[in-house]
Amino acid sequence: MEDLALQTHLSSFEHVHSPLLSSVVHQSFARATLQLGCRPLERTEFIQQVRLYLLEHPKGLGENDADYARMWQSVLQGHVLAVEPLPEGPMIFLVRSRLRQSFVDWRLRYQRDTWTFQGITSVHQFPWYRHSWLAWSSAVAAVLIAGWVGFAVAPRGTNLNRITASQWAQQHGYVLEPVSLATALPKTLAQITGPTASVNPVVQTPSSSVTNSKGSSGTTKAGTKFLAQVPQALSFQLQMGMSLHDMSLFLAAHHLVPSAVWFDMQLKNTGADKDVHPGTYVFHTHMTTSQLIQVIRSGPKP
């Protein structure tokens, strides 16, 4: 007898964990019944049984035909929580649907092409913070507020140009040292405009003439282009009591960096702001950010 009971229990366990029944879990009730080959749940029979149940066990879900029709539609769209086969043949469907602002758990029995409503096992409210539109709206609002606050508290750089650079330097106690063009020109310029250079002459101008090997006056395209690209030296005097931000303002005023705040961040990220000594720092136009940082790392000129 014990072996027979154990065999019966194991066969029932295998039946309950049928892959076919497990495949419809979390699907809509209408789709699950179609997959299992069950007869569709008729609207009329469902409303009749639900009306009688709610008269004996009022849940506050509705009292007229429109409310009952809404319940039937919600069950069809609800998802299956579990399908439990009984030993005598029928199947029990546990379905959860959303009705207005509540979740309703329904218990339905199916046997021999007949649906029987067995009751409502649970009714609980839908939390307001679970609304998807509210979650998206809150996220967008948080991003907008954070961006507005960041813009409001961000420091503003001084809007300077090359014309007012000297005036700005005088107001802030900086010293601009003039650099001779002759000392700044590399040796390659002499090779370009020297007596052995072979170039095509262009239209002469009194202010930009050079002497070629034949003694005639003229300019070269390569020489003119090179003169426009010659780097200019810019000297900055970092005095005692001044901050590194003053140097960033100086570089921003000469258009070597996009902004002083941005260059401050680059110095901090690379660690170049940790050991800076007062003195004279010489920069050149057309320097890259890494080259500017290297000048600061190397320290002031002796």
Protein backbone atom coordinates (compact mmCIF):
# COMPACT_ATOMS: atom_id res chain seq x y z
CA MET A 1 0.00 0.00 0.00
CA GLU A 2 2.83 2.38 0.81
CA ASP A 3 4.47 1.71 -2.59
CA LEU A 4 1.15 2.38 -4.37
CA ALA A 5 0.67 5.65 -2.48
CA LEU A 6 4.22 6.75 -3.29
CA GLN A 7 3.75 5.91 -6.97
CA THR A 8 0.48 7.86 -7.07
CA HIS A 9 2.15 10.87 -5.40
CA LEU A 10 5.05 10.87 -7.88
CA SER A 11 2.74 10.66 -10.88
CA SER A 12 0.68 13.56 -9.52
CA PHE A 13 3.87 15.57 -8.98
CA GLU A 14 4.94 15.01 -12.57
CA HIS A 15 1.49 16.03 -13.74
CA VAL A 16 1.52 19.24 -11.73
CA HIS A 17 4.92 20.19 -13.18
CA SER A 18 3.88 19.58 -16.75
CA PRO A 19 5.98 21.58 -19.23
CA LEU A 20 2.83 22.45 -21.17
CA LEU A 21 1.15 24.00 -18.14
CA SER A 22 4.33 25.79 -17.10
CA SER A 23 4.68 27.33 -20.55
CA VAL A 24 1.50 29.40 -20.18
CA VAL A 25 2.45 30.96 -16.83
CA HIS A 26 2.79 34.76 -17.04
CA GLN A 27 0.98 34.81 -20.37
CA SER A 28 -2.36 36.52 -20.82
CA PHE A 29 -5.36 34.44 -19.77
CA ALA A 30 -6.89 34.56 -23.26
CA ARG A 31 -3.66 33.37 -24.87
CA ALA A 32 -3.09 30.66 -22.26
CA THR A 33 -6.55 29.13 -22.72
CA LEU A 34 -6.06 29.19 -26.49
CA GLN A 35 -2.71 27.40 -26.16
CA LEU A 36 -4.15 24.73 -23.88
CA GLY A 37 -7.14 24.13 -26.14
CA CYS A 38 -9.72 25.33 -23.61
CA ARG A 39 -13.03 26.82 -24.56
CA PRO A 40 -13.00 30.65 -24.33
CA LEU A 41 -14.49 32.21 -21.22
CA GLU A 42 -17.88 33.56 -22.27
CA ARG A 43 -18.89 36.98 -21.10
CA THR A 44 -22.44 36.06 -20.07
CA GLU A 45 -21.55 33.06 -17.90
CA PHE A 46 -18.71 34.99 -16.23
CA ILE A 47 -20.93 37.98 -15.38
CA GLN A 48 -23.67 35.76 -13.94
CA GLN A 49 -21.29 33.95 -11.62
CA VAL A 50 -19.40 37.08 -10.57
CA ARG A 51 -22.65 38.95 -9.80
CA LEU A 52 -23.79 36.18 -7.45
CA TYR A 53 -20.37 36.05 -5.78
CA LEU A 54 -20.19 39.81 -5.20
CA LEU A 55 -23.68 39.84 -3.69
CA GLU A 56 -22.47 37.48 -0.99
CA HIS A 57 -18.90 38.84 -0.76
CA PRO A 58 -18.92 42.54 -1.71
CA LYS A 59 -15.49 43.80 -2.77
CA GLY A 60 -16.38 47.30 -3.97
CA LEU A 61 -15.40 46.46 -7.55
CA GLY A 62 -18.70 47.43 -9.21
CA GLU A 63 -22.41 47.06 -9.15
CA ASN A 64 -23.72 47.43 -12.73
CA ASP A 65 -23.36 45.58 -16.03
CA ALA A 66 -20.68 47.96 -17.29
CA ASP A 67 -18.52 47.19 -14.26
CA TYR A 68 -19.02 43.44 -14.71
CA ALA A 69 -18.11 43.68 -18.40
CA ARG A 70 -14.97 45.58 -17.42
CA MET A 71 -14.07 42.77 -15.00
CA TRP A 72 -14.49 40.14 -17.71
CA GLN A 73 -12.26 42.13 -20.09
CA SER A 74 -9.61 42.58 -17.38
CA VAL A 75 -9.54 38.81 -16.74
CA LEU A 76 -8.96 38.09 -20.43
CA GLN A 77 -6.07 40.59 -20.47
CA GLY A 78 -4.73 39.52 -17.07
CA HIS A 79 -1.69 37.24 -16.77
CA VAL A 80 -1.73 33.69 -15.47
CA LEU A 81 0.00 33.22 -12.12
CA ALA A 82 -0.36 29.44 -12.00
CA VAL A 83 -2.23 26.49 -13.52
CA GLU A 84 -2.95 23.65 -11.09
CA PRO A 85 -4.32 20.34 -12.40
CA LEU A 86 -6.44 18.34 -9.97
CA PRO A 87 -6.41 14.51 -9.75
CA GLU A 88 -10.00 14.21 -10.98
CA GLY A 89 -9.26 16.05 -14.21
CA PRO A 90 -10.12 19.76 -13.93
CA MET A 91 -7.62 22.62 -13.95
CA ILE A 92 -7.50 25.61 -11.62
CA PHE A 93 -6.38 28.92 -13.12
CA LEU A 94 -5.03 31.68 -10.90
CA VAL A 95 -5.21 34.95 -12.85
CA ARG A 96 -4.13 38.44 -11.81
CA SER A 97 -5.70 41.41 -13.58
CA ARG A 98 -5.63 45.14 -13.15
CA LEU A 99 -8.97 46.80 -12.48
CA ARG A 100 -8.83 50.60 -12.19
CA GLN A 101 -6.21 51.26 -9.47
CA SER A 102 -6.31 47.74 -7.99
CA PHE A 103 -4.85 44.31 -8.63
CA VAL A 104 -7.44 41.51 -8.46
CA ASP A 105 -6.54 37.81 -8.21
CA TRP A 106 -9.20 35.50 -9.69
CA ARG A 107 -9.65 31.76 -9.22
CA LEU A 108 -11.29 29.93 -12.16
CA ARG A 109 -12.00 26.21 -12.62
CA TYR A 110 -12.14 24.50 -16.01
CA GLN A 111 -13.62 21.01 -16.48
CA ARG A 112 -15.26 19.41 -19.49
CA ASP A 113 -15.48 22.65 -21.49
CA THR A 114 -17.15 24.42 -18.57
CA TRP A 115 -15.80 27.44 -16.71
CA THR A 116 -16.68 27.91 -13.05
CA PHE A 117 -15.84 31.06 -11.15
CA GLN A 118 -14.58 30.09 -7.69
CA GLY A 119 -13.89 33.44 -6.15
CA ILE A 120 -11.53 36.40 -5.70
CA THR A 121 -8.50 35.51 -3.61
CA SER A 122 -7.01 39.00 -3.27
CA VAL A 123 -7.70 42.68 -3.97
CA HIS A 124 -4.87 45.15 -3.34
CA GLN A 125 -4.27 48.71 -4.40
CA PHE A 126 -1.83 49.66 -7.16
CA PRO A 127 0.93 51.90 -5.63
CA TRP A 128 1.01 55.37 -7.13
CA TYR A 129 4.82 55.27 -7.48
CA ARG A 130 4.58 52.21 -9.75
CA HIS A 131 3.10 54.24 -12.63
CA SER A 132 5.53 54.13 -15.55
CA TRP A 133 4.66 57.67 -16.70
CA LEU A 134 5.34 59.00 -13.22
CA ALA A 135 8.73 57.29 -13.06
CA TRP A 136 9.78 58.70 -16.46
CA SER A 137 8.50 62.17 -15.56
CA SER A 138 10.41 62.14 -12.27
CA ALA A 139 13.63 61.07 -14.02
CA VAL A 140 13.33 63.81 -16.66
CA ALA A 141 12.53 66.44 -14.02
CA ALA A 142 15.53 65.38 -11.94
CA VAL A 143 17.86 65.69 -14.94
CA LEU A 144 16.50 69.12 -15.86
CA ILE A 145 16.78 70.41 -12.27
CA ALA A 146 20.34 69.07 -11.94
CA GLY A 147 21.34 70.73 -15.22
CA TRP A 148 19.78 74.05 -14.20
CA VAL A 149 21.48 74.02 -10.79
CA GLY A 150 24.84 73.11 -12.37
CA PHE A 151 24.53 75.96 -14.86
CA ALA A 152 23.55 78.41 -12.11
CA VAL A 153 26.47 77.63 -9.81
CA ALA A 154 29.15 77.20 -12.50
CA PRO A 155 31.79 79.97 -12.44
CA ARG A 156 31.81 82.32 -15.39
CA GLY A 157 35.00 83.01 -17.30
CA THR A 158 35.98 86.48 -18.47
CA ASN A 159 35.14 87.19 -22.10
CA LEU A 160 38.46 88.49 -23.45
CA ASN A 161 39.99 88.90 -26.87
CA ARG A 162 43.46 89.67 -28.17
CA ILE A 163 42.79 93.42 -28.32
CA THR A 164 42.07 93.76 -24.60
CA ALA A 165 44.69 91.22 -23.45
CA SER A 166 47.22 93.91 -22.51
CA GLN A 167 44.61 95.93 -20.59
CA TRP A 168 43.47 92.81 -18.75
CA ALA A 169 47.08 91.92 -17.86
CA GLN A 170 47.69 95.38 -16.40
CA GLN A 171 44.52 95.26 -14.30
CA HIS A 172 45.46 91.86 -12.84
CA GLY A 173 49.12 92.57 -12.21
CA TYR A 174 50.62 90.48 -15.03
CA VAL A 175 53.70 91.34 -17.04
CA LEU A 176 53.73 90.82 -20.81
CA GLU A 177 57.26 90.60 -22.13
CA PRO A 178 57.73 91.49 -25.83
CA VAL A 179 59.59 88.92 -27.88
CA SER A 180 61.66 89.81 -30.93
CA LEU A 181 60.49 88.16 -34.11
CA ALA A 182 64.09 87.59 -35.22
CA THR A 183 64.88 85.50 -32.14
CA ALA A 184 61.62 83.57 -32.41
CA LEU A 185 62.08 82.56 -36.07
CA PRO A 186 63.57 79.11 -36.51
CA LYS A 187 66.50 78.43 -38.79
CA THR A 188 64.23 76.87 -41.39
CA LEU A 189 62.83 80.29 -42.25
CA ALA A 190 66.28 81.41 -43.37
CA GLN A 191 66.51 78.34 -45.53
CA ILE A 192 63.16 79.12 -47.14
CA THR A 193 63.99 82.74 -47.94
CA GLY A 194 67.79 82.28 -48.39
CA PRO A 195 69.77 82.75 -51.62
CA THR A 196 69.66 79.05 -52.51
CA ALA A 197 65.85 78.77 -52.27
CA SER A 198 64.03 78.16 -55.53
CA VAL A 199 60.50 79.58 -55.26
CA ASN A 200 57.93 81.28 -57.44
CA PRO A 201 57.67 85.06 -56.88
CA VAL A 202 54.30 86.67 -56.09
CA VAL A 203 53.09 90.27 -56.19
CA GLN A 204 55.51 92.55 -54.38
CA THR A 205 54.50 94.70 -51.44
CA PRO A 206 56.80 97.22 -49.75
CA SER A 207 56.17 95.77 -46.29
CA SER A 208 56.79 92.13 -47.17
CA SER A 209 59.70 92.00 -49.61
CA VAL A 210 62.79 89.82 -49.41
CA THR A 211 65.86 89.58 -51.62
CA ASN A 212 66.42 86.50 -53.72
CA SER A 213 69.61 85.24 -55.32
CA LYS A 214 69.30 87.60 -58.32
CA GLY A 215 68.96 90.72 -56.15
CA SER A 216 65.31 91.33 -57.11
CA SER A 217 62.72 92.14 -54.48
CA GLY A 218 59.82 89.69 -53.97
CA THR A 219 58.06 87.33 -51.55
CA THR A 220 57.40 83.62 -51.56
CA LYS A 221 54.24 81.77 -50.88
CA ALA A 222 55.99 79.36 -48.55
CA GLY A 223 57.69 82.17 -46.63
CA THR A 224 54.46 84.17 -46.20
CA LYS A 225 52.58 81.11 -45.01
CA PHE A 226 55.35 80.19 -42.61
CA LEU A 227 55.43 83.69 -41.11
CA ALA A 228 51.71 83.41 -40.32
CA GLN A 229 52.35 80.15 -38.46
CA VAL A 230 55.39 81.18 -36.45
CA PRO A 231 54.71 80.59 -32.73
CA GLN A 232 54.87 83.61 -30.45
CA ALA A 233 56.23 83.44 -26.91
CA LEU A 234 53.95 84.51 -24.06
CA SER A 235 55.49 85.08 -20.64
CA PHE A 236 53.48 84.80 -17.43
CA GLN A 237 54.78 85.88 -14.01
CA LEU A 238 53.28 83.76 -11.21
CA GLN A 239 53.81 85.86 -8.11
CA MET A 240 53.53 84.88 -4.46
CA GLY A 241 49.94 84.75 -3.28
CA MET A 242 48.51 84.15 -6.77
CA SER A 243 46.54 81.00 -7.54
CA LEU A 244 46.98 78.62 -10.45
CA HIS A 245 43.59 79.78 -11.70
CA ASP A 246 45.20 83.13 -12.57
CA MET A 247 47.51 81.30 -14.96
CA SER A 248 44.51 79.53 -16.51
CA LEU A 249 42.83 82.91 -17.01
CA PHE A 250 45.97 84.17 -18.72
CA LEU A 251 46.01 81.19 -21.12
CA ALA A 252 42.31 81.59 -21.83
CA ALA A 253 42.80 85.30 -22.54
CA HIS A 254 45.36 84.38 -25.22
CA HIS A 255 43.12 81.68 -26.67
CA LEU A 256 45.46 78.84 -25.78
CA VAL A 257 42.71 76.99 -23.88
CA PRO A 258 38.92 77.03 -24.32
CA SER A 259 38.27 78.37 -20.81
CA ALA A 260 40.06 78.82 -17.51
CA VAL A 261 37.74 76.45 -15.64
CA TRP A 262 38.25 73.76 -18.25
CA PHE A 263 42.06 74.06 -17.98
CA ASP A 264 41.83 73.97 -14.17
CA MET A 265 40.09 70.61 -14.49
CA GLN A 266 42.80 69.34 -16.86
CA LEU A 267 45.51 70.32 -14.39
CA LYS A 268 43.67 68.59 -11.57
CA ASN A 269 43.03 65.42 -13.57
CA THR A 270 46.69 65.13 -14.58
CA GLY A 271 48.02 66.06 -11.12
CA ALA A 272 49.96 69.03 -12.48
CA ASP A 273 48.40 71.40 -9.93
CA LYS A 274 50.02 69.77 -6.90
CA ASP A 275 53.54 71.29 -7.05
CA VAL A 276 53.66 74.68 -8.80
CA HIS A 277 56.24 77.29 -7.81
CA PRO A 278 56.19 81.07 -8.35
CA GLY A 279 58.25 82.40 -11.21
CA THR A 280 58.18 83.08 -14.93
CA TYR A 281 56.52 80.59 -17.24
CA VAL A 282 56.99 80.95 -21.01
CA PHE A 283 54.31 79.58 -23.31
CA HIS A 284 54.02 79.65 -27.10
CA THR A 285 51.03 80.00 -29.35
CA HIS A 286 49.79 76.86 -31.11
CA MET A 287 50.74 74.75 -28.07
CA THR A 288 48.58 71.72 -27.34
CA THR A 289 47.06 71.07 -23.94
CA SER A 290 49.65 68.43 -23.09
CA GLN A 291 52.46 70.84 -24.02
CA LEU A 292 51.01 73.58 -21.81
CA ILE A 293 50.79 71.15 -18.89
CA GLN A 294 54.37 70.06 -19.52
CA VAL A 295 55.58 73.67 -19.25
CA ILE A 296 53.85 73.99 -15.87
CA ARG A 297 55.29 70.67 -14.70
CA SER A 298 58.81 71.74 -15.70
CA GLY A 299 58.59 74.76 -13.40
CA PRO A 300 59.46 78.41 -13.91
CA LYS A 301 62.36 79.62 -16.01
CA PRO A 302 65.52 80.43 -14.03
